[in-house]
């Protein structure tokens, strides 16, 4: 896989994670599930937030490291020329 493909996949996971976090928060704040399902609705909302954080944070760290590596490679090439 090329670096561009990896970056595109990681950005997709970041967006999916943020969407899950927003979904979980809106379910908790709007009382959609907590009123009708009780504790199970709260658990579903918390699970959405947890999965969203799991998708979002590690990919941000890896993507930052990858982009820093690409930037250092480009600056090394510019210094040589």
PDB file of N, CA and C in Angstrom:
ATOM      1  N   UNK A   1       0.836  -1.179   0.000  1.00  0.00           N
ATOM      2  CA  UNK A   1       0.000   0.000   0.000  1.00  0.00           C
ATOM      3  C   UNK A   1       0.884   1.246   0.000  1.00  0.00           C
ATOM      4  N   UNK A   2       0.494   2.202  -0.758  1.00  0.00           N
ATOM      5  CA  UNK A   2       1.258   3.444  -0.790  1.00  0.00           C
ATOM      6  C   UNK A   2       0.898   4.310   0.413  1.00  0.00           C
ATOM      7  N   UNK A   3       1.713   5.317   0.653  1.00  0.00           N
ATOM      8  CA  UNK A   3       1.461   6.205   1.787  1.00  0.00           C
ATOM      9  C   UNK A   3       0.174   6.998   1.593  1.00  0.00           C
ATOM     10  N   UNK A   4      -0.130   7.350   0.355  1.00  0.00           N
ATOM     11  CA  UNK A   4      -1.366   8.097   0.089  1.00  0.00           C
ATOM     12  C   UNK A   4      -2.599   7.262   0.417  1.00  0.00           C
ATOM     13  N   UNK A   5      -2.545   5.962   0.113  1.00  0.00           N
ATOM     14  CA  UNK A   5      -3.671   5.079   0.431  1.00  0.00           C
ATOM     15  C   UNK A   5      -3.830   4.940   1.936  1.00  0.00           C
ATOM     16  N   UNK A   6      -2.712   4.792   2.648  1.00  0.00           N
ATOM     17  CA  UNK A   6      -2.766   4.679   4.105  1.00  0.00           C
ATOM     18  C   UNK A   6      -3.333   5.955   4.715  1.00  0.00           C
ATOM     19  N   UNK A   7      -2.897   7.096   4.222  1.00  0.00           N
ATOM     20  CA  UNK A   7      -3.398   8.373   4.732  1.00  0.00           C
ATOM     21  C   UNK A   7      -4.895   8.507   4.481  1.00  0.00           C
ATOM     22  N   UNK A   8      -5.355   8.092   3.306  1.00  0.00           N
ATOM     23  CA  UNK A   8      -6.786   8.168   2.988  1.00  0.00           C
ATOM     24  C   UNK A   8      -7.603   7.261   3.918  1.00  0.00           C
ATOM     25  N   UNK A   9      -7.102   6.055   4.188  1.00  0.00           N
ATOM     26  CA  UNK A   9      -7.797   5.131   5.091  1.00  0.00           C
ATOM     27  C   UNK A   9      -7.830   5.696   6.509  1.00  0.00           C
ATOM     28  N   UNK A  10      -6.714   6.255   6.967  1.00  0.00           N
ATOM     29  CA  UNK A  10      -6.664   6.820   8.313  1.00  0.00           C
ATOM     30  C   UNK A  10      -7.594   8.018   8.455  1.00  0.00           C
ATOM     31  N   UNK A  11      -7.660   8.855   7.442  1.00  0.00           N
ATOM     32  CA  UNK A  11      -8.586   9.990   7.487  1.00  0.00           C
ATOM     33  C   UNK A  11     -10.033   9.514   7.535  1.00  0.00           C
ATOM     34  N   UNK A  12     -10.329   8.422   6.833  1.00  0.00           N
ATOM     35  CA  UNK A  12     -11.675   7.850   6.875  1.00  0.00           C
ATOM     36  C   UNK A  12     -12.009   7.367   8.281  1.00  0.00           C
ATOM     37  N   UNK A  13     -11.047   6.703   8.937  1.00  0.00           N
ATOM     38  CA  UNK A  13     -11.275   6.238  10.301  1.00  0.00           C
ATOM     39  C   UNK A  13     -11.444   7.399  11.271  1.00  0.00           C
ATOM     40  N   UNK A  14     -10.703   8.484  11.059  1.00  0.00           N
ATOM     41  CA  UNK A  14     -10.855   9.659  11.920  1.00  0.00           C
ATOM     42  C   UNK A  14     -12.256  10.240  11.774  1.00  0.00           C
ATOM     43  N   UNK A  15     -12.727  10.376  10.546  1.00  0.00           N
ATOM     44  CA  UNK A  15     -14.069  10.926  10.310  1.00  0.00           C
ATOM     45  C   UNK A  15     -15.138  10.009  10.888  1.00  0.00           C
ATOM     46  N   UNK A  16     -14.973   8.697  10.707  1.00  0.00           N
ATOM     47  CA  UNK A  16     -15.923   7.743  11.277  1.00  0.00           C
ATOM     48  C   UNK A  16     -15.928   7.829  12.798  1.00  0.00           C
ATOM     49  N   UNK A  17     -14.754   7.953  13.404  1.00  0.00           N
ATOM     50  CA  UNK A  17     -14.668   8.071  14.857  1.00  0.00           C
ATOM     51  C   UNK A  17     -15.343   9.321  15.372  1.00  0.00           C
ATOM     52  N   UNK A  18     -15.122  10.437  14.695  1.00  0.00           N
ATOM     53  CA  UNK A  18     -15.753  11.688  15.118  1.00  0.00           C
ATOM     54  C   UNK A  18     -17.270  11.601  14.971  1.00  0.00           C
ATOM     55  N   UNK A  19     -17.739  10.967  13.908  1.00  0.00           N
ATOM     56  CA  UNK A  19     -19.191  10.794  13.722  1.00  0.00           C
ATOM     57  C   UNK A  19     -19.788   9.929  14.829  1.00  0.00           C
ATOM     58  N   UNK A  20     -19.078   8.875  15.233  1.00  0.00           N
ATOM     59  CA  UNK A  20     -19.577   8.028  16.317  1.00  0.00           C
ATOM     60  C   UNK A  20     -19.595   8.775  17.649  1.00  0.00           C
ATOM     61  N   UNK A  21     -18.581   9.603  17.887  1.00  0.00           N
ATOM     62  CA  UNK A  21     -18.567  10.401  19.115  1.00  0.00           C
ATOM     63  C   UNK A  21     -19.748  11.365  19.132  1.00  0.00           C
ATOM     64  N   UNK A  22     -20.002  12.018  18.010  1.00  0.00           N
ATOM     65  CA  UNK A  22     -21.130  12.956  17.927  1.00  0.00           C
ATOM     66  C   UNK A  22     -22.456  12.217  18.086  1.00  0.00           C
ATOM     67  N   UNK A  23     -22.570  11.031  17.473  1.00  0.00           N
ATOM     68  CA  UNK A  23     -23.794  10.239  17.615  1.00  0.00           C
ATOM     69  C   UNK A  23     -24.027   9.849  19.067  1.00  0.00           C
ATOM     70  N   UNK A  24     -22.990   9.358  19.733  1.00  0.00           N
ATOM     71  CA  UNK A  24     -23.134   8.971  21.135  1.00  0.00           C
ATOM     72  C   UNK A  24     -23.499  10.142  22.019  1.00  0.00           C
ATOM     73  N   UNK A  25     -22.878  11.284  21.769  1.00  0.00           N
ATOM     74  CA  UNK A  25     -23.195  12.470  22.565  1.00  0.00           C
ATOM     75  C   UNK A  25     -24.630  12.936  22.328  1.00  0.00           C
ATOM     76  N   UNK A  26     -25.058  12.926  21.079  1.00  0.00           N
ATOM     77  CA  UNK A  26     -26.428  13.374  20.801  1.00  0.00           C
ATOM     78  C   UNK A  26     -27.455  12.412  21.380  1.00  0.00           C
ATOM     79  N   UNK A  27     -27.137  11.117  21.398  1.00  0.00           N
ATOM     80  CA  UNK A  27     -28.054  10.161  22.016  1.00  0.00           C
ATOM     81  C   UNK A  27     -28.147  10.382  23.524  1.00  0.00           C
ATOM     82  N   UNK A  28     -27.015  10.712  24.150  1.00  0.00           N
ATOM     83  CA  UNK A  28     -27.042  10.987  25.589  1.00  0.00           C
ATOM     84  C   UNK A  28     -27.701  12.323  25.898  1.00  0.00           C
ATOM     85  N   UNK A  29     -27.348  13.352  25.148  1.00  0.00           N
ATOM     86  CA  UNK A  29     -27.858  14.693  25.431  1.00  0.00           C
ATOM     87  C   UNK A  29     -29.335  14.826  25.073  1.00  0.00           C
ATOM     88  N   UNK A  30     -29.755  14.142  24.038  1.00  0.00           N
ATOM     89  CA  UNK A  30     -31.136  14.248  23.606  1.00  0.00           C
ATOM     90  C   UNK A  30     -32.090  13.341  24.348  1.00  0.00           C
ATOM     91  N   UNK A  31     -31.562  12.475  25.196  1.00  0.00           N
ATOM     92  CA  UNK A  31     -32.370  11.531  25.975  1.00  0.00           C
ATOM     93  C   UNK A  31     -33.230  10.637  25.092  1.00  0.00           C
ATOM     94  N   UNK A  32     -32.749  10.333  23.878  1.00  0.00           N
ATOM     95  CA  UNK A  32     -33.519   9.476  22.987  1.00  0.00           C
ATOM     96  C   UNK A  32     -33.565   8.042  23.514  1.00  0.00           C
ATOM     97  N   UNK A  33     -32.406   7.508  23.844  1.00  0.00           N
ATOM     98  CA  UNK A  33     -32.352   6.117  24.282  1.00  0.00           C
ATOM     99  C   UNK A  33     -32.483   5.968  25.787  1.00  0.00           C
ATOM    100  N   UNK A  34     -32.022   6.950  26.546  1.00  0.00           N
ATOM    101  CA  UNK A  34     -32.041   6.783  27.996  1.00  0.00           C
ATOM    102  C   UNK A  34     -33.462   6.794  28.552  1.00  0.00           C
ATOM    103  N   UNK A  35     -34.376   7.506  27.910  1.00  0.00           N
ATOM    104  CA  UNK A  35     -35.762   7.499  28.377  1.00  0.00           C
ATOM    105  C   UNK A  35     -36.461   6.190  28.047  1.00  0.00           C
ATOM    106  N   UNK A  36     -36.284   5.712  26.838  1.00  0.00           N
ATOM    107  CA  UNK A  36     -37.027   4.526  26.416  1.00  0.00           C
ATOM    108  C   UNK A  36     -36.369   3.224  26.851  1.00  0.00           C
ATOM    109  N   UNK A  37     -35.042   3.187  26.895  1.00  0.00           N
ATOM    110  CA  UNK A  37     -34.354   1.930  27.189  1.00  0.00           C
ATOM    111  C   UNK A  37     -33.684   1.901  28.558  1.00  0.00           C
ATOM    112  N   UNK A  38     -33.643   3.010  29.254  1.00  0.00           N
ATOM    113  CA  UNK A  38     -33.041   3.041  30.580  1.00  0.00           C
ATOM    114  C   UNK A  38     -31.526   2.917  30.521  1.00  0.00           C
ATOM    115  N   UNK A  39     -30.989   2.047  31.369  1.00  0.00           N
ATOM    116  CA  UNK A  39     -29.540   1.900  31.471  1.00  0.00           C
ATOM    117  C   UNK A  39     -28.939   1.323  30.194  1.00  0.00           C
ATOM    118  N   UNK A  40     -29.691   0.514  29.476  1.00  0.00           N
ATOM    119  CA  UNK A  40     -29.184  -0.056  28.225  1.00  0.00           C
ATOM    120  C   UNK A  40     -28.990   1.031  27.163  1.00  0.00           C
ATOM    121  N   UNK A  41     -29.847   2.024  27.154  1.00  0.00           N
ATOM    122  CA  UNK A  41     -29.678   3.138  26.230  1.00  0.00           C
ATOM    123  C   UNK A  41     -28.432   3.947  26.536  1.00  0.00           C
ATOM    124  N   UNK A  42     -28.162   4.126  27.832  1.00  0.00           N
ATOM    125  CA  UNK A  42     -26.947   4.836  28.228  1.00  0.00           C
ATOM    126  C   UNK A  42     -25.722   4.027  27.846  1.00  0.00           C
ATOM    127  N   UNK A  43     -25.793   2.711  27.995  1.00  0.00           N
ATOM    128  CA  UNK A  43     -24.664   1.850  27.626  1.00  0.00           C
ATOM    129  C   UNK A  43     -24.416   1.883  26.118  1.00  0.00           C
ATOM    130  N   UNK A  44     -25.466   1.918  25.323  1.00  0.00           N
ATOM    131  CA  UNK A  44     -25.316   2.000  23.864  1.00  0.00           C
ATOM    132  C   UNK A  44     -24.663   3.328  23.480  1.00  0.00           C
ATOM    133  N   UNK A  45     -25.106   4.412  24.112  1.00  0.00           N
ATOM    134  CA  UNK A  45     -24.514   5.724  23.828  1.00  0.00           C
ATOM    135  C   UNK A  45     -23.046   5.759  24.224  1.00  0.00           C
ATOM    136  N   UNK A  46     -22.731   5.196  25.386  1.00  0.00           N
ATOM    137  CA  UNK A  46     -21.339   5.164  25.841  1.00  0.00           C
ATOM    138  C   UNK A  46     -20.485   4.286  24.931  1.00  0.00           C
ATOM    139  N   UNK A  47     -21.064   3.207  24.420  1.00  0.00           N
ATOM    140  CA  UNK A  47     -20.324   2.341  23.497  1.00  0.00           C
ATOM    141  C   UNK A  47     -20.021   3.076  22.193  1.00  0.00           C
ATOM    142  N   UNK A  48     -20.966   3.873  21.706  1.00  0.00           N
ATOM    143  CA  UNK A  48     -20.714   4.673  20.497  1.00  0.00           C
ATOM    144  C   UNK A  48     -19.561   5.640  20.721  1.00  0.00           C
ATOM    145  N   UNK A  49     -19.552   6.283  21.874  1.00  0.00           N
ATOM    146  CA  UNK A  49     -18.478   7.226  22.176  1.00  0.00           C
ATOM    147  C   UNK A  49     -17.150   6.494  22.310  1.00  0.00           C
ATOM    148  N   UNK A  50     -17.147   5.342  22.987  1.00  0.00           N
ATOM    149  CA  UNK A  50     -15.905   4.592  23.188  1.00  0.00           C
ATOM    150  C   UNK A  50     -15.322   4.102  21.865  1.00  0.00           C
ATOM    151  N   UNK A  51     -16.159   3.572  20.997  1.00  0.00           N
ATOM    152  CA  UNK A  51     -15.672   3.098  19.695  1.00  0.00           C
ATOM    153  C   UNK A  51     -15.187   4.277  18.858  1.00  0.00           C
ATOM    154  N   UNK A  52     -15.881   5.398  18.953  1.00  0.00           N
ATOM    155  CA  UNK A  52     -15.444   6.592  18.235  1.00  0.00           C
ATOM    156  C   UNK A  52     -14.078   7.073  18.688  1.00  0.00           C
ATOM    157  N   UNK A  53     -13.836   7.028  19.994  1.00  0.00           N
ATOM    158  CA  UNK A  53     -12.522   7.422  20.511  1.00  0.00           C
ATOM    159  C   UNK A  53     -11.463   6.427  20.068  1.00  0.00           C
ATOM    160  N   UNK A  54     -11.793   5.134  20.082  1.00  0.00           N
ATOM    161  CA  UNK A  54     -10.835   4.120  19.636  1.00  0.00           C
ATOM    162  C   UNK A  54     -10.485   4.289  18.163  1.00  0.00           C
ATOM    163  N   UNK A  55     -11.442   4.680  17.344  1.00  0.00           N
ATOM    164  CA  UNK A  55     -11.163   4.917  15.927  1.00  0.00           C
ATOM    165  C   UNK A  55     -10.386   6.211  15.716  1.00  0.00           C
ATOM    166  N   UNK A  56     -10.690   7.220  16.497  1.00  0.00           N
ATOM    167  CA  UNK A  56     -10.177   8.549  16.228  1.00  0.00           C
ATOM    168  C   UNK A  56      -8.758   8.786  16.748  1.00  0.00           C
ATOM    169  N   UNK A  57      -8.509   8.517  18.013  1.00  0.00           N
ATOM    170  CA  UNK A  57      -7.243   8.930  18.616  1.00  0.00           C
ATOM    171  C   UNK A  57      -6.004   8.205  18.099  1.00  0.00           C
ATOM    172  N   UNK A  58      -5.964   6.870  18.055  1.00  0.00           N
ATOM    173  CA  UNK A  58      -4.728   6.230  17.573  1.00  0.00           C
ATOM    174  C   UNK A  58      -4.409   6.566  16.122  1.00  0.00           C
ATOM    175  N   UNK A  59      -5.434   6.721  15.310  1.00  0.00           N
ATOM    176  CA  UNK A  59      -5.168   7.059  13.913  1.00  0.00           C
ATOM    177  C   UNK A  59      -4.615   8.469  13.789  1.00  0.00           C
ATOM    178  N   UNK A  60      -5.062   9.396  14.656  1.00  0.00           N
ATOM    179  CA  UNK A  60      -4.505  10.748  14.636  1.00  0.00           C
ATOM    180  C   UNK A  60      -3.027  10.720  14.983  1.00  0.00           C
ATOM    181  N   UNK A  61      -2.660   9.921  15.978  1.00  0.00           N
ATOM    182  CA  UNK A  61      -1.260   9.831  16.376  1.00  0.00           C
ATOM    183  C   UNK A  61      -0.431   9.248  15.241  1.00  0.00           C
ATOM    184  N   UNK A  62      -0.884   8.155  14.648  1.00  0.00           N
ATOM    185  CA  UNK A  62      -0.131   7.530  13.561  1.00  0.00           C
ATOM    186  C   UNK A  62      -0.050   8.451  12.349  1.00  0.00           C
ATOM    187  N   UNK A  63      -1.148   9.113  12.041  1.00  0.00           N
ATOM    188  CA  UNK A  63      -1.164  10.030  10.902  1.00  0.00           C
ATOM    189  C   UNK A  63      -0.213  11.203  11.126  1.00  0.00           C
ATOM    190  N   UNK A  64      -0.149  11.715  12.345  1.00  0.00           N
ATOM    191  CA  UNK A  64       0.778  12.799  12.655  1.00  0.00           C
ATOM    192  C   UNK A  64       2.222  12.348  12.482  1.00  0.00           C
ATOM    193  N   UNK A  65       2.551  11.159  12.975  1.00  0.00           N
ATOM    194  CA  UNK A  65       3.910  10.632  12.828  1.00  0.00           C
ATOM    195  C   UNK A  65       4.243  10.427  11.357  1.00  0.00           C
ATOM    196  N   UNK A  66       3.303   9.892  10.603  1.00  0.00           N
ATOM    197  CA  UNK A  66       3.528   9.656   9.178  1.00  0.00           C
ATOM    198  C   UNK A  66       3.735  10.966   8.422  1.00  0.00           C
ATOM    199  N   UNK A  67       2.930  11.972   8.719  1.00  0.00           N
ATOM    200  CA  UNK A  67       3.075  13.263   8.047  1.00  0.00           C
ATOM    201  C   UNK A  67       4.370  13.967   8.451  1.00  0.00           C
ATOM    202  N   UNK A  68       4.810  13.789   9.708  1.00  0.00           N
ATOM    203  CA  UNK A  68       6.095  14.355  10.127  1.00  0.00           C
ATOM    204  C   UNK A  68       7.247  13.689   9.383  1.00  0.00           C
ATOM    205  N   UNK A  69       7.141  12.382   9.135  1.00  0.00           N
ATOM    206  CA  UNK A  69       8.171  11.664   8.387  1.00  0.00           C
ATOM    207  C   UNK A  69       8.231  12.165   6.947  1.00  0.00           C
ATOM    208  N   UNK A  70       7.071  12.350   6.327  1.00  0.00           N
ATOM    209  CA  UNK A  70       7.021  12.855   4.953  1.00  0.00           C
ATOM    210  C   UNK A  70       7.621  14.260   4.888  1.00  0.00           C
ATOM    211  N   UNK A  71       7.297  15.099   5.877  1.00  0.00           N
ATOM    212  CA  UNK A  71       7.825  16.458   5.893  1.00  0.00           C
ATOM    213  C   UNK A  71       9.340  16.465   6.079  1.00  0.00           C
ATOM    214  N   UNK A  72       9.854  15.601   6.942  1.00  0.00           N
ATOM    215  CA  UNK A  72      11.310  15.566   7.134  1.00  0.00           C
ATOM    216  C   UNK A  72      12.017  15.052   5.887  1.00  0.00           C
ATOM    217  N   UNK A  73      11.399  14.112   5.179  1.00  0.00           N
ATOM    218  CA  UNK A  73      11.979  13.646   3.918  1.00  0.00           C
ATOM    219  C   UNK A  73      12.021  14.766   2.879  1.00  0.00           C
ATOM    220  N   UNK A  74      10.957  15.553   2.809  1.00  0.00           N
ATOM    221  CA  UNK A  74      10.917  16.662   1.847  1.00  0.00           C
ATOM    222  C   UNK A  74      11.930  17.748   2.193  1.00  0.00           C
ATOM    223  N   UNK A  75      12.090  18.055   3.468  1.00  0.00           N
ATOM    224  CA  UNK A  75      13.081  19.064   3.838  1.00  0.00           C
ATOM    225  C   UNK A  75      14.494  18.562   3.594  1.00  0.00           C
ATOM    226  N   UNK A  76      14.729  17.272   3.767  1.00  0.00           N
ATOM    227  CA  UNK A  76      16.052  16.717   3.471  1.00  0.00           C
ATOM    228  C   UNK A  76      16.344  16.801   1.972  1.00  0.00           C
ATOM    229  N   UNK A  77      15.330  16.562   1.145  1.00  0.00           N
ATOM    230  CA  UNK A  77      15.509  16.671  -0.303  1.00  0.00           C
ATOM    231  C   UNK A  77      15.757  18.120  -0.718  1.00  0.00           C
ATOM    232  N   UNK A  78      15.072  19.061  -0.078  1.00  0.00           N
ATOM    233  CA  UNK A  78      15.254  20.477  -0.414  1.00  0.00           C
ATOM    234  C   UNK A  78      16.639  20.975  -0.006  1.00  0.00           C
ATOM    235  N   UNK A  79      17.176  20.468   1.084  1.00  0.00           N
ATOM    236  CA  UNK A  79      18.509  20.880   1.520  1.00  0.00           C
ATOM    237  C   UNK A  79      19.588  20.341   0.594  1.00  0.00           C
ATOM    238  N   UNK A  80      19.344  19.171   0.010  1.00  0.00           N
ATOM    239  CA  UNK A  80      20.328  18.580  -0.889  1.00  0.00           C
ATOM    240  C   UNK A  80      20.386  19.316  -2.225  1.00  0.00           C
ATOM    241  N   UNK A  81      19.276  19.860  -2.657  1.00  0.00           N
ATOM    242  CA  UNK A  81      19.259  20.523  -3.975  1.00  0.00           C
ATOM    243  C   UNK A  81      19.500  21.998  -3.885  1.00  0.00           C
TER     244      UNK A  81
END
